[in-house]
Amino acid sequence: MLKRKKKSFGKRGLGVKDLVALSGAHTLGFSHCSSSSARLHNFSTAHFSDPSIESEFAMNLKKKCPIHNKDRNAGEFLDSTSSTFDNEY
């Protein structure tokens, strides 16, 4: 998998240092519902939700981000260990 990512980054003029920085950035952070709602609700005529999102993760996001979400601060941390800088993302 790492070889494939390195190759993909290389096609975009990015190196291993860029890969590490961008991947590591996902270990800390928060995503607001507005960032994912289009993929969770009414994604396409064939799929209500984006089928590329892991189903359990999508289900949890839908609970936090309902269709008519009124909470502008609602969302989800980007990984399960969001308070720790690690490689668990």
N, C-alpha and C. Protein backbone atom coordinates (compact mmCIF):
# COMPACT_ATOMS: atom_id res chain seq x y z
N MET A 1 0.82 -1.18 0.00
CA MET A 1 0.00 0.00 0.00
C MET A 1 0.87 1.26 0.00
N LEU A 2 1.96 1.25 0.76
CA LEU A 2 2.84 2.41 0.81
C LEU A 2 3.44 2.70 -0.55
N LYS A 3 3.83 1.65 -1.28
CA LYS A 3 4.38 1.85 -2.63
C LYS A 3 3.38 2.55 -3.53
N ARG A 4 2.12 2.12 -3.43
CA ARG A 4 1.07 2.70 -4.25
C ARG A 4 0.85 4.17 -3.90
N LYS A 5 0.87 4.49 -2.60
CA LYS A 5 0.70 5.88 -2.17
C LYS A 5 1.88 6.73 -2.62
N LYS A 6 3.08 6.20 -2.49
CA LYS A 6 4.27 6.95 -2.92
C LYS A 6 4.20 7.24 -4.42
N LYS A 7 3.75 6.25 -5.18
CA LYS A 7 3.64 6.42 -6.63
C LYS A 7 2.57 7.47 -6.96
N SER A 8 1.45 7.40 -6.27
CA SER A 8 0.36 8.36 -6.49
C SER A 8 0.81 9.78 -6.14
N PHE A 9 1.51 9.93 -5.03
CA PHE A 9 2.02 11.25 -4.65
C PHE A 9 3.06 11.74 -5.65
N GLY A 10 3.91 10.83 -6.10
CA GLY A 10 4.95 11.17 -7.07
C GLY A 10 4.37 11.72 -8.36
N LYS A 11 3.25 11.17 -8.81
CA LYS A 11 2.59 11.65 -10.02
C LYS A 11 2.13 13.10 -9.88
N ARG A 12 1.98 13.54 -8.64
CA ARG A 12 1.52 14.91 -8.37
C ARG A 12 2.68 15.83 -7.98
N GLY A 13 3.89 15.33 -8.13
CA GLY A 13 5.07 16.13 -7.81
C GLY A 13 5.36 16.20 -6.32
N LEU A 14 4.83 15.25 -5.56
CA LEU A 14 5.03 15.23 -4.11
C LEU A 14 5.94 14.07 -3.73
N GLY A 15 6.68 14.25 -2.66
CA GLY A 15 7.60 13.22 -2.21
C GLY A 15 7.16 12.56 -0.92
N VAL A 16 8.04 11.72 -0.36
CA VAL A 16 7.75 10.99 0.86
C VAL A 16 7.51 11.96 2.02
N LYS A 17 8.27 13.03 2.09
CA LYS A 17 8.10 14.02 3.15
C LYS A 17 6.69 14.62 3.09
N ASP A 18 6.20 14.89 1.89
CA ASP A 18 4.84 15.40 1.72
C ASP A 18 3.81 14.35 2.16
N LEU A 19 4.05 13.11 1.79
CA LEU A 19 3.15 12.01 2.16
C LEU A 19 3.04 11.91 3.68
N VAL A 20 4.17 11.97 4.36
CA VAL A 20 4.19 11.86 5.81
C VAL A 20 3.46 13.04 6.45
N ALA A 21 3.75 14.25 5.96
CA ALA A 21 3.11 15.45 6.52
C ALA A 21 1.60 15.43 6.33
N LEU A 22 1.14 15.11 5.13
CA LEU A 22 -0.30 15.11 4.86
C LEU A 22 -1.01 13.96 5.57
N SER A 23 -0.39 12.81 5.61
CA SER A 23 -1.01 11.68 6.31
C SER A 23 -1.05 11.93 7.81
N GLY A 24 0.04 12.41 8.35
CA GLY A 24 0.12 12.70 9.78
C GLY A 24 -0.84 13.78 10.20
N ALA A 25 -1.14 14.71 9.33
CA ALA A 25 -2.07 15.79 9.67
C ALA A 25 -3.45 15.24 9.99
N HIS A 26 -3.77 14.07 9.46
CA HIS A 26 -5.08 13.49 9.72
C HIS A 26 -5.18 12.87 11.11
N THR A 27 -4.10 12.79 11.84
CA THR A 27 -4.17 12.23 13.18
C THR A 27 -4.70 13.24 14.19
N LEU A 28 -4.64 14.50 13.87
CA LEU A 28 -5.20 15.56 14.72
C LEU A 28 -6.18 16.34 13.87
N GLY A 29 -7.33 16.61 14.37
CA GLY A 29 -8.26 17.42 13.62
C GLY A 29 -9.70 17.00 13.79
N PHE A 30 -10.55 17.83 13.24
CA PHE A 30 -11.98 17.68 13.38
C PHE A 30 -12.63 18.04 12.05
N SER A 31 -13.60 17.29 11.65
CA SER A 31 -14.31 17.55 10.40
C SER A 31 -15.76 17.91 10.73
N HIS A 32 -16.19 19.10 10.31
CA HIS A 32 -17.57 19.52 10.54
C HIS A 32 -18.51 18.79 9.59
N CYS A 33 -19.75 18.67 9.98
CA CYS A 33 -20.75 17.97 9.18
C CYS A 33 -20.84 18.52 7.76
N SER A 34 -20.65 19.82 7.62
CA SER A 34 -20.75 20.42 6.29
C SER A 34 -19.73 19.83 5.32
N SER A 35 -18.65 19.26 5.84
CA SER A 35 -17.62 18.66 4.99
C SER A 35 -18.03 17.30 4.44
N SER A 36 -18.96 16.64 5.10
CA SER A 36 -19.30 15.28 4.67
C SER A 36 -20.78 15.06 4.35
N SER A 37 -21.61 16.04 4.58
CA SER A 37 -23.06 15.82 4.42
C SER A 37 -23.45 15.40 3.01
N ALA A 38 -22.78 15.92 2.00
CA ALA A 38 -23.12 15.55 0.61
C ALA A 38 -22.82 14.08 0.33
N ARG A 39 -21.89 13.51 1.08
CA ARG A 39 -21.56 12.09 0.90
C ARG A 39 -22.41 11.20 1.79
N LEU A 40 -23.06 11.77 2.79
CA LEU A 40 -23.86 10.98 3.73
C LEU A 40 -25.34 10.93 3.35
N HIS A 41 -25.85 11.98 2.73
CA HIS A 41 -27.27 12.12 2.47
C HIS A 41 -27.51 12.45 1.00
N ASN A 42 -28.36 11.66 0.36
CA ASN A 42 -28.71 11.90 -1.05
C ASN A 42 -27.48 11.95 -1.96
N PHE A 43 -26.59 10.99 -1.80
CA PHE A 43 -25.33 10.96 -2.56
C PHE A 43 -25.57 10.84 -4.06
N SER A 44 -26.43 9.91 -4.45
CA SER A 44 -26.72 9.72 -5.88
C SER A 44 -28.08 9.04 -6.01
N THR A 45 -28.53 8.89 -7.23
CA THR A 45 -29.81 8.19 -7.44
C THR A 45 -29.70 6.71 -7.09
N ALA A 46 -28.50 6.17 -7.16
CA ALA A 46 -28.30 4.75 -6.85
C ALA A 46 -27.98 4.48 -5.39
N HIS A 47 -27.40 5.47 -4.70
CA HIS A 47 -26.95 5.26 -3.31
C HIS A 47 -27.30 6.48 -2.47
N PHE A 48 -27.97 6.24 -1.34
CA PHE A 48 -28.28 7.34 -0.43
C PHE A 48 -26.99 7.91 0.14
N SER A 49 -26.07 7.03 0.55
CA SER A 49 -24.76 7.43 1.07
C SER A 49 -23.68 6.95 0.13
N ASP A 50 -22.55 7.60 0.16
CA ASP A 50 -21.40 7.21 -0.66
C ASP A 50 -20.97 5.81 -0.26
N PRO A 51 -21.04 4.84 -1.16
CA PRO A 51 -20.68 3.46 -0.81
C PRO A 51 -19.19 3.26 -0.50
N SER A 52 -18.36 4.24 -0.81
CA SER A 52 -16.93 4.10 -0.50
C SER A 52 -16.63 4.41 0.96
N ILE A 53 -17.60 4.96 1.69
CA ILE A 53 -17.42 5.21 3.13
C ILE A 53 -17.75 3.92 3.87
N GLU A 54 -16.87 3.50 4.75
CA GLU A 54 -17.08 2.30 5.54
C GLU A 54 -18.43 2.43 6.25
N SER A 55 -19.27 1.40 6.19
CA SER A 55 -20.67 1.49 6.62
C SER A 55 -20.84 1.87 8.09
N GLU A 56 -20.06 1.30 8.99
CA GLU A 56 -20.20 1.62 10.41
C GLU A 56 -19.81 3.08 10.68
N PHE A 57 -18.75 3.55 10.02
CA PHE A 57 -18.33 4.94 10.15
C PHE A 57 -19.42 5.88 9.62
N ALA A 58 -20.01 5.53 8.47
CA ALA A 58 -21.09 6.35 7.89
C ALA A 58 -22.29 6.40 8.83
N MET A 59 -22.62 5.28 9.43
CA MET A 59 -23.75 5.23 10.35
C MET A 59 -23.51 6.16 11.55
N ASN A 60 -22.30 6.13 12.09
CA ASN A 60 -21.97 7.01 13.22
C ASN A 60 -22.01 8.48 12.80
N LEU A 61 -21.50 8.79 11.61
CA LEU A 61 -21.54 10.17 11.13
C LEU A 61 -22.97 10.65 10.94
N LYS A 62 -23.83 9.79 10.44
CA LYS A 62 -25.23 10.18 10.22
C LYS A 62 -25.91 10.52 11.54
N LYS A 63 -25.52 9.84 12.62
CA LYS A 63 -26.08 10.16 13.94
C LYS A 63 -25.65 11.55 14.38
N LYS A 64 -24.42 11.91 14.12
CA LYS A 64 -23.89 13.21 14.51
C LYS A 64 -24.27 14.31 13.53
N CYS A 65 -24.54 13.91 12.30
CA CYS A 65 -24.82 14.86 11.22
C CYS A 65 -26.12 14.50 10.53
N PRO A 66 -27.27 14.74 11.17
CA PRO A 66 -28.54 14.42 10.54
C PRO A 66 -28.79 15.29 9.31
N ILE A 67 -29.75 14.91 8.50
CA ILE A 67 -30.03 15.63 7.26
C ILE A 67 -30.29 17.11 7.52
N HIS A 68 -31.10 17.42 8.48
CA HIS A 68 -31.42 18.82 8.80
C HIS A 68 -30.65 19.25 10.03
N ASN A 69 -29.34 19.21 9.94
CA ASN A 69 -28.47 19.55 11.06
C ASN A 69 -28.52 21.05 11.34
N LYS A 70 -28.79 21.41 12.57
CA LYS A 70 -28.84 22.81 12.97
C LYS A 70 -27.59 23.23 13.75
N ASP A 71 -26.80 22.25 14.18
CA ASP A 71 -25.61 22.53 14.99
C ASP A 71 -24.40 22.73 14.09
N ARG A 72 -23.97 23.97 13.95
CA ARG A 72 -22.83 24.29 13.07
C ARG A 72 -21.52 23.72 13.60
N ASN A 73 -21.47 23.33 14.87
CA ASN A 73 -20.25 22.78 15.46
C ASN A 73 -20.23 21.26 15.46
N ALA A 74 -21.29 20.64 14.97
CA ALA A 74 -21.35 19.17 14.96
C ALA A 74 -20.36 18.61 13.95
N GLY A 75 -19.86 17.43 14.26
CA GLY A 75 -18.92 16.77 13.36
C GLY A 75 -18.26 15.60 14.04
N GLU A 76 -17.09 15.25 13.52
CA GLU A 76 -16.38 14.07 14.00
C GLU A 76 -14.88 14.30 13.96
N PHE A 77 -14.19 13.76 14.97
CA PHE A 77 -12.74 13.80 14.96
C PHE A 77 -12.23 12.92 13.83
N LEU A 78 -11.08 13.23 13.29
CA LEU A 78 -10.58 12.52 12.12
C LEU A 78 -10.01 11.15 12.43
N ASP A 79 -9.75 10.85 13.68
CA ASP A 79 -9.36 9.49 14.02
C ASP A 79 -9.75 9.17 15.45
N SER A 80 -9.62 7.91 15.81
CA SER A 80 -10.09 7.45 17.12
C SER A 80 -9.18 7.88 18.27
N THR A 81 -7.98 8.33 17.97
CA THR A 81 -7.06 8.79 19.01
C THR A 81 -6.71 10.25 18.73
N SER A 82 -7.73 11.07 18.57
CA SER A 82 -7.55 12.44 18.10
C SER A 82 -6.77 13.35 19.05
N SER A 83 -6.62 12.97 20.30
CA SER A 83 -5.86 13.80 21.23
C SER A 83 -4.40 13.40 21.30
N THR A 84 -4.00 12.41 20.50
CA THR A 84 -2.63 11.91 20.51
C THR A 84 -2.07 11.92 19.10
N PHE A 85 -0.85 12.43 18.94
CA PHE A 85 -0.21 12.40 17.64
C PHE A 85 0.41 11.03 17.45
N ASP A 86 -0.18 10.22 16.58
CA ASP A 86 0.26 8.85 16.37
C ASP A 86 -0.04 8.43 14.93
N ASN A 87 0.10 7.17 14.63
CA ASN A 87 -0.18 6.70 13.27
C ASN A 87 -1.48 5.90 13.20
N GLU A 88 -2.40 6.13 14.11
CA GLU A 88 -3.69 5.45 14.14
C GLU A 88 -4.75 6.30 13.47
N TYR A 89 -4.75 6.32 12.14
CA TYR A 89 -5.77 7.09 11.41
C TYR A 89 -6.25 6.29 10.22
